Amino acid sequence: MAYTDDDLRVVIRGNLPGGEIWANTWAVKDLGDFPSQDLADAFHAFYGALAGIWANTTTATDITITRLSTNEELGASWTTVTGDDTSPSAMPNECAVRLSLSAPDNVRGGPFLTGFSVATCADDGNFAASNQSEVGGAFDTLCTDLTLIDHALCINKTQDEELVFVTQGRIGQVFDVIRRRRNKLSENYFVVPVEAP
């Protein structure tokens, strides 16, 4: 298969302490004819919700929306999102929680979410269950917002140049090192079902 004009890549970038840059890459299918600004606004609301548990040294500074079939960049504005938590220190920059996305036929993907404050840790050092729930609620709202503008969250099967619809999102509790997933540790997930179009 090959990408169509409806297949979009969304990249949100931001900053962490010490000048390190983070980036989350998402895949979205445009099922209607809404402007790209509406898509940017849906993601801005998601990261705005995360800001409540981000350290105040974490920011989300910009968005890039690209049509995968042509590499055309679609214009959209973005105002910087800044974390609200004033905890005295943040965790190491490489620590993140996985938002694991699932699609039929065992297709998986999803971004690592970083920038959380130390206050988000439970006594055992894991992501607190209340914060898993908060991220899960923000993700559920993102999916709803995308549906309202006739877009659907997908996973990009790059080898096949195909987007597949997400059917579930899981928010982990173990802070992983972004550059390498620690699969050997069991953890409890907050699960958010996603209704595919």
N, C-alpha and C. Protein backbone atom coordinates (compact mmCIF):
# COMPACT_ATOMS: atom_id res chain seq x y z
N MET A 1 0.84 -1.19 0.00
CA MET A 1 0.00 0.00 0.00
C MET A 1 0.88 1.25 0.00
N ALA A 2 0.25 2.39 -0.16
CA ALA A 2 0.97 3.66 -0.12
C ALA A 2 0.13 4.66 0.65
N TYR A 3 0.80 5.62 1.26
CA TYR A 3 0.09 6.67 1.98
C TYR A 3 -0.87 7.41 1.05
N THR A 4 -1.97 7.89 1.63
CA THR A 4 -2.90 8.73 0.89
C THR A 4 -2.81 10.17 1.41
N ASP A 5 -3.52 11.06 0.77
CA ASP A 5 -3.49 12.47 1.19
C ASP A 5 -4.15 12.66 2.56
N ASP A 6 -4.87 11.65 3.03
CA ASP A 6 -5.53 11.75 4.33
C ASP A 6 -4.62 11.34 5.49
N ASP A 7 -3.45 10.82 5.19
CA ASP A 7 -2.54 10.30 6.22
C ASP A 7 -1.59 11.39 6.68
N LEU A 8 -1.62 11.66 7.97
CA LEU A 8 -0.85 12.78 8.52
C LEU A 8 0.09 12.32 9.63
N ARG A 9 1.24 12.98 9.69
CA ARG A 9 2.16 12.82 10.82
C ARG A 9 2.13 14.11 11.62
N VAL A 10 1.99 13.96 12.94
CA VAL A 10 1.96 15.10 13.84
C VAL A 10 3.13 14.97 14.80
N VAL A 11 3.99 15.99 14.85
CA VAL A 11 5.13 15.97 15.76
C VAL A 11 5.02 17.17 16.70
N ILE A 12 5.02 16.89 18.00
CA ILE A 12 5.04 17.96 19.00
C ILE A 12 6.41 17.94 19.65
N ARG A 13 7.04 19.12 19.75
CA ARG A 13 8.37 19.23 20.33
C ARG A 13 8.33 20.15 21.54
N GLY A 14 9.28 19.93 22.43
CA GLY A 14 9.38 20.79 23.60
C GLY A 14 10.76 20.72 24.21
N ASN A 15 10.90 21.36 25.37
CA ASN A 15 12.19 21.46 26.04
C ASN A 15 12.12 20.91 27.45
N LEU A 16 13.26 20.42 27.91
CA LEU A 16 13.44 19.91 29.26
C LEU A 16 14.60 20.67 29.90
N PRO A 17 14.80 20.52 31.20
CA PRO A 17 15.92 21.22 31.84
C PRO A 17 17.25 20.90 31.16
N GLY A 18 18.14 21.89 31.12
CA GLY A 18 19.45 21.71 30.52
C GLY A 18 19.46 21.88 29.02
N GLY A 19 18.30 22.24 28.44
CA GLY A 19 18.25 22.48 27.01
C GLY A 19 17.96 21.27 26.16
N GLU A 20 17.73 20.10 26.77
CA GLU A 20 17.42 18.92 25.97
C GLU A 20 16.04 19.08 25.34
N ILE A 21 15.90 18.60 24.10
CA ILE A 21 14.65 18.70 23.36
C ILE A 21 13.98 17.33 23.32
N TRP A 22 12.66 17.30 23.54
CA TRP A 22 11.90 16.06 23.40
C TRP A 22 10.96 16.21 22.19
N ALA A 23 10.54 15.09 21.64
CA ALA A 23 9.59 15.11 20.53
C ALA A 23 8.70 13.88 20.61
N ASN A 24 7.40 14.10 20.40
CA ASN A 24 6.43 13.00 20.31
C ASN A 24 5.89 12.98 18.89
N THR A 25 5.88 11.80 18.27
CA THR A 25 5.36 11.64 16.92
C THR A 25 4.07 10.83 16.97
N TRP A 26 3.03 11.36 16.34
CA TRP A 26 1.71 10.73 16.28
C TRP A 26 1.33 10.55 14.81
N ALA A 27 0.40 9.63 14.57
CA ALA A 27 -0.16 9.44 13.23
C ALA A 27 -1.67 9.65 13.32
N VAL A 28 -2.21 10.37 12.36
CA VAL A 28 -3.63 10.71 12.35
C VAL A 28 -4.15 10.59 10.93
N LYS A 29 -5.36 10.05 10.80
CA LYS A 29 -6.02 10.01 9.49
C LYS A 29 -7.13 11.05 9.48
N ASP A 30 -7.13 11.86 8.43
CA ASP A 30 -8.14 12.89 8.23
C ASP A 30 -9.31 12.27 7.49
N LEU A 31 -10.45 12.13 8.18
CA LEU A 31 -11.63 11.51 7.58
C LEU A 31 -12.64 12.55 7.09
N GLY A 32 -12.30 13.81 7.25
CA GLY A 32 -13.22 14.87 6.84
C GLY A 32 -12.47 15.96 6.10
N ASP A 33 -12.87 17.17 6.34
CA ASP A 33 -12.24 18.28 5.64
C ASP A 33 -12.05 19.46 6.59
N PHE A 34 -11.55 19.19 7.78
CA PHE A 34 -11.34 20.24 8.77
C PHE A 34 -9.95 20.84 8.58
N PRO A 35 -9.78 22.12 8.91
CA PRO A 35 -8.45 22.74 8.78
C PRO A 35 -7.46 22.15 9.78
N SER A 36 -6.18 22.22 9.41
CA SER A 36 -5.14 21.64 10.26
C SER A 36 -5.09 22.33 11.62
N GLN A 37 -5.56 23.56 11.72
CA GLN A 37 -5.54 24.24 13.01
C GLN A 37 -6.41 23.52 14.03
N ASP A 38 -7.52 22.95 13.59
CA ASP A 38 -8.37 22.19 14.52
C ASP A 38 -7.62 20.98 15.07
N LEU A 39 -6.83 20.35 14.23
CA LEU A 39 -6.02 19.22 14.66
C LEU A 39 -4.98 19.68 15.67
N ALA A 40 -4.32 20.78 15.39
CA ALA A 40 -3.33 21.33 16.33
C ALA A 40 -3.98 21.68 17.66
N ASP A 41 -5.19 22.22 17.61
CA ASP A 41 -5.88 22.61 18.86
C ASP A 41 -6.20 21.39 19.71
N ALA A 42 -6.54 20.27 19.07
CA ALA A 42 -6.84 19.05 19.83
C ALA A 42 -5.60 18.57 20.57
N PHE A 43 -4.44 18.59 19.91
CA PHE A 43 -3.21 18.17 20.57
C PHE A 43 -2.76 19.20 21.60
N HIS A 44 -3.02 20.46 21.35
CA HIS A 44 -2.66 21.50 22.32
C HIS A 44 -3.43 21.28 23.62
N ALA A 45 -4.69 20.91 23.51
CA ALA A 45 -5.49 20.64 24.71
C ALA A 45 -4.95 19.43 25.47
N PHE A 46 -4.49 18.41 24.74
CA PHE A 46 -3.92 17.22 25.39
C PHE A 46 -2.67 17.59 26.19
N TYR A 47 -1.75 18.31 25.54
CA TYR A 47 -0.52 18.67 26.25
C TYR A 47 -0.79 19.72 27.32
N GLY A 48 -1.81 20.54 27.12
CA GLY A 48 -2.21 21.47 28.18
C GLY A 48 -2.68 20.74 29.42
N ALA A 49 -3.37 19.61 29.22
CA ALA A 49 -3.81 18.80 30.37
C ALA A 49 -2.61 18.16 31.07
N LEU A 50 -1.61 17.73 30.30
CA LEU A 50 -0.41 17.15 30.90
C LEU A 50 0.36 18.19 31.72
N ALA A 51 0.25 19.45 31.34
CA ALA A 51 1.02 20.50 32.01
C ALA A 51 0.71 20.58 33.50
N GLY A 52 -0.46 20.13 33.90
CA GLY A 52 -0.80 20.15 35.31
C GLY A 52 0.10 19.27 36.17
N ILE A 53 0.72 18.26 35.56
CA ILE A 53 1.62 17.38 36.32
C ILE A 53 3.04 17.40 35.75
N TRP A 54 3.29 18.32 34.84
CA TRP A 54 4.66 18.55 34.38
C TRP A 54 5.40 19.43 35.37
N ALA A 55 6.71 19.26 35.42
CA ALA A 55 7.54 20.22 36.13
C ALA A 55 7.49 21.55 35.39
N ASN A 56 7.64 22.65 36.13
CA ASN A 56 7.52 23.96 35.48
C ASN A 56 8.74 24.31 34.60
N THR A 57 9.67 23.38 34.48
CA THR A 57 10.79 23.53 33.55
C THR A 57 10.53 22.80 32.24
N THR A 58 9.35 22.19 32.09
CA THR A 58 8.99 21.45 30.89
C THR A 58 8.08 22.30 30.01
N THR A 59 8.35 22.31 28.71
CA THR A 59 7.51 23.04 27.78
C THR A 59 7.21 22.20 26.54
N ALA A 60 6.09 22.52 25.90
CA ALA A 60 5.78 22.01 24.56
C ALA A 60 5.72 23.24 23.67
N THR A 61 6.68 23.37 22.77
CA THR A 61 6.90 24.65 22.09
C THR A 61 6.33 24.76 20.69
N ASP A 62 6.17 23.63 19.98
CA ASP A 62 5.69 23.76 18.61
C ASP A 62 5.12 22.45 18.09
N ILE A 63 4.41 22.56 16.97
CA ILE A 63 3.80 21.40 16.31
C ILE A 63 4.12 21.46 14.82
N THR A 64 4.33 20.29 14.24
CA THR A 64 4.48 20.17 12.79
C THR A 64 3.51 19.10 12.31
N ILE A 65 2.69 19.45 11.32
CA ILE A 65 1.74 18.51 10.73
C ILE A 65 2.16 18.30 9.27
N THR A 66 2.39 17.05 8.91
CA THR A 66 2.92 16.73 7.58
C THR A 66 2.02 15.72 6.89
N ARG A 67 1.70 15.97 5.62
CA ARG A 67 0.97 15.00 4.81
C ARG A 67 1.96 13.92 4.35
N LEU A 68 1.74 12.68 4.77
CA LEU A 68 2.73 11.64 4.53
C LEU A 68 2.91 11.30 3.06
N SER A 69 1.88 11.48 2.25
CA SER A 69 1.98 11.11 0.84
C SER A 69 2.88 12.04 0.05
N THR A 70 3.00 13.30 0.49
CA THR A 70 3.76 14.29 -0.28
C THR A 70 4.84 15.01 0.52
N ASN A 71 4.88 14.77 1.84
CA ASN A 71 5.77 15.49 2.75
C ASN A 71 5.45 16.99 2.81
N GLU A 72 4.24 17.34 2.39
CA GLU A 72 3.80 18.74 2.49
C GLU A 72 3.53 19.08 3.95
N GLU A 73 4.09 20.19 4.40
CA GLU A 73 3.86 20.64 5.76
C GLU A 73 2.62 21.54 5.80
N LEU A 74 1.69 21.20 6.69
CA LEU A 74 0.44 21.95 6.81
C LEU A 74 0.58 22.98 7.92
N GLY A 75 0.15 24.17 7.67
CA GLY A 75 0.33 25.24 8.64
C GLY A 75 -0.62 25.13 9.82
N ALA A 76 -0.11 25.46 11.00
CA ALA A 76 -0.93 25.53 12.21
C ALA A 76 -0.15 26.32 13.26
N SER A 77 -0.86 27.12 14.02
CA SER A 77 -0.19 27.89 15.07
C SER A 77 -0.23 27.12 16.39
N TRP A 78 0.67 27.47 17.29
CA TRP A 78 0.81 26.77 18.57
C TRP A 78 1.39 27.75 19.58
N THR A 79 0.76 27.88 20.71
CA THR A 79 1.33 28.67 21.80
C THR A 79 2.00 27.73 22.78
N THR A 80 3.12 28.15 23.34
CA THR A 80 3.91 27.28 24.22
C THR A 80 3.10 26.86 25.44
N VAL A 81 3.16 25.57 25.73
CA VAL A 81 2.56 25.00 26.94
C VAL A 81 3.69 24.83 27.96
N THR A 82 3.48 25.30 29.18
CA THR A 82 4.51 25.22 30.23
C THR A 82 3.95 24.48 31.44
N GLY A 83 4.77 23.62 32.02
CA GLY A 83 4.36 22.86 33.19
C GLY A 83 3.98 23.74 34.38
N ASP A 84 3.08 23.22 35.21
CA ASP A 84 2.55 23.98 36.35
C ASP A 84 3.19 23.61 37.69
N ASP A 85 3.78 22.42 37.77
CA ASP A 85 4.22 21.91 39.08
C ASP A 85 5.53 22.59 39.50
N THR A 86 5.51 23.16 40.68
CA THR A 86 6.68 23.89 41.18
C THR A 86 7.54 23.06 42.11
N SER A 87 7.45 21.74 42.01
CA SER A 87 8.33 20.88 42.80
C SER A 87 9.77 21.32 42.60
N PRO A 88 10.60 21.24 43.65
CA PRO A 88 11.93 21.82 43.56
C PRO A 88 12.84 21.21 42.51
N SER A 89 12.57 19.98 42.10
CA SER A 89 13.44 19.37 41.10
C SER A 89 12.64 18.41 40.25
N ALA A 90 13.12 18.17 39.07
CA ALA A 90 12.49 17.23 38.15
C ALA A 90 13.33 15.97 38.08
N MET A 91 12.75 14.91 37.53
CA MET A 91 13.48 13.67 37.35
C MET A 91 14.47 13.81 36.21
N PRO A 92 15.40 12.88 36.10
CA PRO A 92 16.33 12.94 34.96
C PRO A 92 15.58 13.01 33.64
N ASN A 93 16.12 13.75 32.69
CA ASN A 93 15.44 13.98 31.42
C ASN A 93 15.08 12.71 30.66
N GLU A 94 15.87 11.65 30.85
CA GLU A 94 15.63 10.44 30.07
C GLU A 94 14.49 9.59 30.62
N CYS A 95 13.90 9.98 31.75
CA CYS A 95 12.82 9.18 32.34
C CYS A 95 11.47 9.58 31.76
N ALA A 96 10.68 8.60 31.36
CA ALA A 96 9.40 8.88 30.72
C ALA A 96 8.44 7.73 30.95
N VAL A 97 7.16 8.03 30.74
CA VAL A 97 6.09 7.03 30.84
C VAL A 97 5.61 6.73 29.43
N ARG A 98 5.40 5.47 29.13
CA ARG A 98 4.97 5.09 27.78
C ARG A 98 3.46 5.17 27.66
N LEU A 99 2.99 5.85 26.62
CA LEU A 99 1.59 5.76 26.21
C LEU A 99 1.58 4.76 25.08
N SER A 100 1.21 3.53 25.41
CA SER A 100 1.30 2.42 24.46
C SER A 100 -0.01 2.31 23.69
N LEU A 101 0.06 2.46 22.38
CA LEU A 101 -1.11 2.39 21.52
C LEU A 101 -1.18 1.01 20.86
N SER A 102 -2.40 0.49 20.74
CA SER A 102 -2.62 -0.81 20.12
C SER A 102 -3.60 -0.69 18.97
N ALA A 103 -3.40 -1.54 17.96
CA ALA A 103 -4.29 -1.63 16.81
C ALA A 103 -4.45 -3.12 16.48
N PRO A 104 -5.43 -3.46 15.62
CA PRO A 104 -5.60 -4.88 15.26
C PRO A 104 -4.33 -5.51 14.71
N ASP A 105 -4.30 -6.84 14.79
CA ASP A 105 -3.17 -7.64 14.29
C ASP A 105 -1.88 -7.35 15.06
N ASN A 106 -2.02 -7.03 16.36
CA ASN A 106 -0.87 -6.82 17.25
C ASN A 106 0.05 -5.69 16.78
N VAL A 107 -0.52 -4.69 16.15
CA VAL A 107 0.26 -3.51 15.78
C VAL A 107 0.33 -2.59 16.99
N ARG A 108 1.54 -2.16 17.35
CA ARG A 108 1.72 -1.34 18.54
C ARG A 108 2.64 -0.15 18.24
N GLY A 109 2.49 0.88 19.05
CA GLY A 109 3.33 2.06 18.91
C GLY A 109 3.01 3.01 20.05
N GLY A 110 3.29 4.27 19.82
CA GLY A 110 2.94 5.28 20.82
C GLY A 110 4.15 5.99 21.38
N PRO A 111 3.92 7.21 21.86
CA PRO A 111 5.02 8.05 22.32
C PRO A 111 5.40 7.81 23.78
N PHE A 112 6.61 8.23 24.13
CA PHE A 112 7.01 8.34 25.51
C PHE A 112 6.67 9.76 25.97
N LEU A 113 6.02 9.87 27.12
CA LEU A 113 5.65 11.16 27.69
C LEU A 113 6.62 11.48 28.81
N THR A 114 7.25 12.63 28.72
CA THR A 114 8.30 12.99 29.67
C THR A 114 8.01 14.35 30.29
N GLY A 115 8.89 14.78 31.18
CA GLY A 115 8.78 16.11 31.77
C GLY A 115 7.99 16.19 33.05
N PHE A 116 7.61 15.04 33.61
CA PHE A 116 6.81 15.05 34.83
C PHE A 116 7.66 15.46 36.03
N SER A 117 7.01 16.04 37.01
CA SER A 117 7.72 16.47 38.21
C SER A 117 7.92 15.29 39.16
N VAL A 118 8.81 15.45 40.13
CA VAL A 118 9.04 14.40 41.11
C VAL A 118 7.79 14.13 41.93
N ALA A 119 6.89 15.11 42.01
CA ALA A 119 5.67 14.93 42.78
C ALA A 119 4.73 13.90 42.16
N THR A 120 4.98 13.50 40.92
CA THR A 120 4.12 12.50 40.27
C THR A 120 4.51 11.08 40.65
N CYS A 121 5.59 10.91 41.40
CA CYS A 121 6.05 9.57 41.79
C CYS A 121 5.34 9.09 43.04
N ALA A 122 4.97 7.83 43.04
CA ALA A 122 4.46 7.19 44.24
C ALA A 122 5.64 6.82 45.14
N ASP A 123 5.36 6.30 46.33
CA ASP A 123 6.42 5.94 47.27
C ASP A 123 7.37 4.89 46.71
N ASP A 124 6.86 4.04 45.81
CA ASP A 124 7.71 2.99 45.24
C ASP A 124 8.53 3.48 44.04
N GLY A 125 8.41 4.77 43.70
CA GLY A 125 9.17 5.33 42.60
C GLY A 125 8.47 5.24 41.25
N ASN A 126 7.32 4.58 41.21
CA ASN A 126 6.56 4.49 39.96
C ASN A 126 5.66 5.70 39.78
N PHE A 127 5.12 5.86 38.58
CA PHE A 127 4.15 6.90 38.28
C PHE A 127 2.91 6.63 39.11
N ALA A 128 2.47 7.60 39.88
CA ALA A 128 1.33 7.41 40.79
C ALA A 128 0.07 7.07 40.00
N ALA A 129 -0.77 6.19 40.58
CA ALA A 129 -1.98 5.75 39.90
C ALA A 129 -2.90 6.92 39.56
N SER A 130 -2.95 7.92 40.43
CA SER A 130 -3.81 9.07 40.15
C SER A 130 -3.34 9.83 38.93
N ASN A 131 -2.03 9.84 38.70
CA ASN A 131 -1.49 10.52 37.53
C ASN A 131 -1.67 9.68 36.27
N GLN A 132 -1.59 8.34 36.41
CA GLN A 132 -1.94 7.48 35.28
C GLN A 132 -3.36 7.79 34.82
N SER A 133 -4.25 7.91 35.79
CA SER A 133 -5.65 8.21 35.49
C SER A 133 -5.80 9.57 34.83
N GLU A 134 -5.03 10.54 35.29
CA GLU A 134 -5.10 11.88 34.72
C GLU A 134 -4.63 11.89 33.26
N VAL A 135 -3.54 11.20 32.99
CA VAL A 135 -3.07 11.09 31.61
C VAL A 135 -4.08 10.32 30.77
N GLY A 136 -4.65 9.26 31.36
CA GLY A 136 -5.66 8.49 30.64
C GLY A 136 -6.88 9.33 30.29
N GLY A 137 -7.30 10.18 31.20
CA GLY A 137 -8.43 11.07 30.92
C GLY A 137 -8.10 12.06 29.81
N ALA A 138 -6.87 12.59 29.83
CA ALA A 138 -6.45 13.52 28.78
C ALA A 138 -6.40 12.83 27.42
N PHE A 139 -5.93 11.58 27.42
CA PHE A 139 -5.87 10.82 26.17
C PHE A 139 -7.27 10.52 25.65
N ASP A 140 -8.17 10.15 26.53
CA ASP A 140 -9.55 9.89 26.14
C ASP A 140 -10.17 11.15 25.52
N THR A 141 -9.91 12.30 26.13
CA THR A 141 -10.42 13.57 25.60
C THR A 141 -9.81 13.86 24.23
N LEU A 142 -8.51 13.58 24.06
CA LEU A 142 -7.87 13.78 22.76
C LEU A 142 -8.58 12.96 21.69
N CYS A 143 -8.85 11.70 21.99
CA CYS A 143 -9.52 10.84 21.00
C CYS A 143 -10.91 11.37 20.66
N THR A 144 -11.63 11.84 21.69
CA THR A 144 -12.95 12.42 21.47
C THR A 144 -12.86 13.68 20.62
N ASP A 145 -11.89 14.54 20.95
CA ASP A 145 -11.70 15.78 20.18
C ASP A 145 -11.37 15.49 18.73
N LEU A 146 -10.57 14.46 18.49
CA LEU A 146 -10.23 14.10 17.11
C LEU A 146 -11.47 13.60 16.37
N THR A 147 -12.30 12.80 17.06
CA THR A 147 -13.52 12.32 16.44
C THR A 147 -14.44 13.46 16.04
N LEU A 148 -14.51 14.48 16.88
CA LEU A 148 -15.39 15.62 16.61
C LEU A 148 -14.99 16.40 15.36
N ILE A 149 -13.71 16.30 14.99
CA ILE A 149 -13.26 16.99 13.77
C ILE A 149 -12.95 15.97 12.65
N ASP A 150 -13.57 14.80 12.76
CA ASP A 150 -13.45 13.76 11.73
C ASP A 150 -12.01 13.36 11.46
N HIS A 151 -11.24 13.21 12.53
CA HIS A 151 -9.90 12.65 12.46
C HIS A 151 -9.85 11.41 13.36
N ALA A 152 -8.91 10.54 13.11
CA ALA A 152 -8.77 9.34 13.93
C ALA A 152 -7.30 9.09 14.22
N LEU A 153 -7.02 8.73 15.47
CA LEU A 153 -5.65 8.41 15.88
C LEU A 153 -5.26 7.06 15.29
N CYS A 154 -4.04 6.98 14.79
CA CYS A 154 -3.56 5.77 14.12
C CYS A 154 -2.15 5.42 14.58
N ILE A 155 -1.69 4.28 14.12
CA ILE A 155 -0.29 3.88 14.23
C ILE A 155 0.25 3.79 12.81
N ASN A 156 1.41 4.34 12.61
CA ASN A 156 2.04 4.35 11.30
C ASN A 156 2.86 3.09 11.08
N LYS A 157 2.39 2.24 10.16
CA LYS A 157 3.17 1.06 9.77
C LYS A 157 4.09 1.52 8.63
N THR A 158 5.23 2.04 9.01
CA THR A 158 6.11 2.68 8.02
C THR A 158 6.57 1.70 6.94
N GLN A 159 6.77 0.44 7.30
CA GLN A 159 7.26 -0.51 6.31
C GLN A 159 6.23 -0.76 5.21
N ASP A 160 4.93 -0.57 5.54
CA ASP A 160 3.86 -0.77 4.57
C ASP A 160 3.28 0.54 4.06
N GLU A 161 3.79 1.67 4.56
CA GLU A 161 3.23 2.98 4.24
C GLU A 161 1.72 2.98 4.42
N GLU A 162 1.31 2.62 5.63
CA GLU A 162 -0.11 2.47 5.93
C GLU A 162 -0.38 2.92 7.36
N LEU A 163 -1.50 3.59 7.58
CA LEU A 163 -1.95 3.93 8.92
C LEU A 163 -3.06 2.97 9.33
N VAL A 164 -2.98 2.47 10.57
CA VAL A 164 -4.02 1.58 11.10
C VAL A 164 -4.64 2.25 12.33
N PHE A 165 -5.94 2.10 12.47
CA PHE A 165 -6.68 2.79 13.53
C PHE A 165 -6.36 2.23 14.91
N VAL A 166 -6.13 3.12 15.85
CA VAL A 166 -5.87 2.74 17.24
C VAL A 166 -7.17 2.27 17.89
N THR A 167 -7.08 1.18 18.66
CA THR A 167 -8.24 0.67 19.37
C THR A 167 -8.07 0.74 20.89
N GLN A 168 -6.86 1.06 21.35
CA GLN A 168 -6.64 1.11 22.80
C GLN A 168 -5.37 1.90 23.11
N GLY A 169 -5.40 2.62 24.20
CA GLY A 169 -4.21 3.26 24.73
C GLY A 169 -3.98 2.81 26.15
N ARG A 170 -2.73 2.54 26.52
CA ARG A 170 -2.40 2.13 27.89
C ARG A 170 -1.32 3.05 28.42
N ILE A 171 -1.53 3.52 29.64
CA ILE A 171 -0.55 4.39 30.28
C ILE A 171 0.18 3.58 31.33
N GLY A 172 1.48 3.46 31.18
CA GLY A 172 2.27 2.65 32.10
C GLY A 172 2.53 3.35 33.42
N GLN A 173 3.13 2.62 34.34
CA GLN A 173 3.47 3.19 35.64
C GLN A 173 4.97 3.21 35.90
N VAL A 174 5.72 2.48 35.09
CA VAL A 174 7.17 2.42 35.27
C VAL A 174 7.81 3.53 34.44
N PHE A 175 8.64 4.32 35.09
CA PHE A 175 9.41 5.34 34.37
C PHE A 175 10.53 4.64 33.61
N ASP A 176 10.40 4.64 32.29
CA ASP A 176 11.39 4.00 31.44
C ASP A 176 12.47 4.99 31.05
N VAL A 177 13.60 4.45 30.69
CA VAL A 177 14.60 5.27 30.02
C VAL A 177 14.15 5.37 28.57
N ILE A 178 13.94 6.58 28.06
CA ILE A 178 13.35 6.78 26.74
C ILE A 178 14.09 6.00 25.67
N ARG A 179 15.37 5.94 25.79
CA ARG A 179 16.17 5.35 24.71
C ARG A 179 16.17 3.82 24.75
N ARG A 180 15.60 3.24 25.78
CA ARG A 180 15.55 1.79 25.83
C ARG A 180 14.42 1.34 26.75
N ARG A 181 13.50 0.57 26.24
CA ARG A 181 12.34 0.12 27.00
C ARG A 181 12.74 -1.02 27.94
N ARG A 182 12.29 -0.92 29.21
CA ARG A 182 12.61 -1.97 30.19
C ARG A 182 11.47 -2.98 30.22
N ASN A 183 11.51 -3.96 29.34
CA ASN A 183 10.40 -4.90 29.20
C ASN A 183 10.32 -5.93 30.31
N LYS A 184 11.36 -6.09 31.09
CA LYS A 184 11.38 -7.18 32.05
C LYS A 184 10.60 -6.88 33.32
N LEU A 185 10.22 -5.63 33.52
CA LEU A 185 9.49 -5.28 34.73
C LEU A 185 8.00 -5.31 34.48
N SER A 186 7.26 -6.03 35.33
CA SER A 186 5.80 -6.04 35.19
C SER A 186 5.25 -4.75 35.77
N GLU A 187 4.11 -4.31 35.23
CA GLU A 187 3.51 -3.08 35.71
C GLU A 187 2.01 -3.12 35.47
N ASN A 188 1.30 -2.26 36.16
CA ASN A 188 -0.13 -2.12 35.98
C ASN A 188 -0.39 -0.94 35.04
N TYR A 189 -1.33 -1.13 34.13
CA TYR A 189 -1.63 -0.11 33.14
C TYR A 189 -3.00 0.51 33.39
N PHE A 190 -3.13 1.78 33.05
CA PHE A 190 -4.43 2.43 32.96
C PHE A 190 -4.85 2.32 31.51
N VAL A 191 -5.98 1.67 31.25
CA VAL A 191 -6.36 1.34 29.87
C VAL A 191 -7.50 2.23 29.40
N VAL A 192 -7.37 2.77 28.20
CA VAL A 192 -8.39 3.62 27.60
C VAL A 192 -8.80 2.99 26.26
N PRO A 193 -10.02 2.47 26.16
CA PRO A 193 -10.46 1.95 24.86
C PRO A 193 -10.71 3.10 23.88
N VAL A 194 -10.42 2.85 22.61
CA VAL A 194 -10.62 3.85 21.57
C VAL A 194 -11.53 3.23 20.52
N GLU A 195 -12.60 3.94 20.20
CA GLU A 195 -13.54 3.43 19.19
C GLU A 195 -13.04 3.80 17.81
N ALA A 196 -12.68 2.78 17.03
CA ALA A 196 -12.20 3.03 15.67
C ALA A 196 -13.36 3.44 14.78
N PRO A 197 -13.12 4.31 13.82
CA PRO A 197 -14.22 4.76 12.93
C PRO A 197 -14.72 3.65 12.03
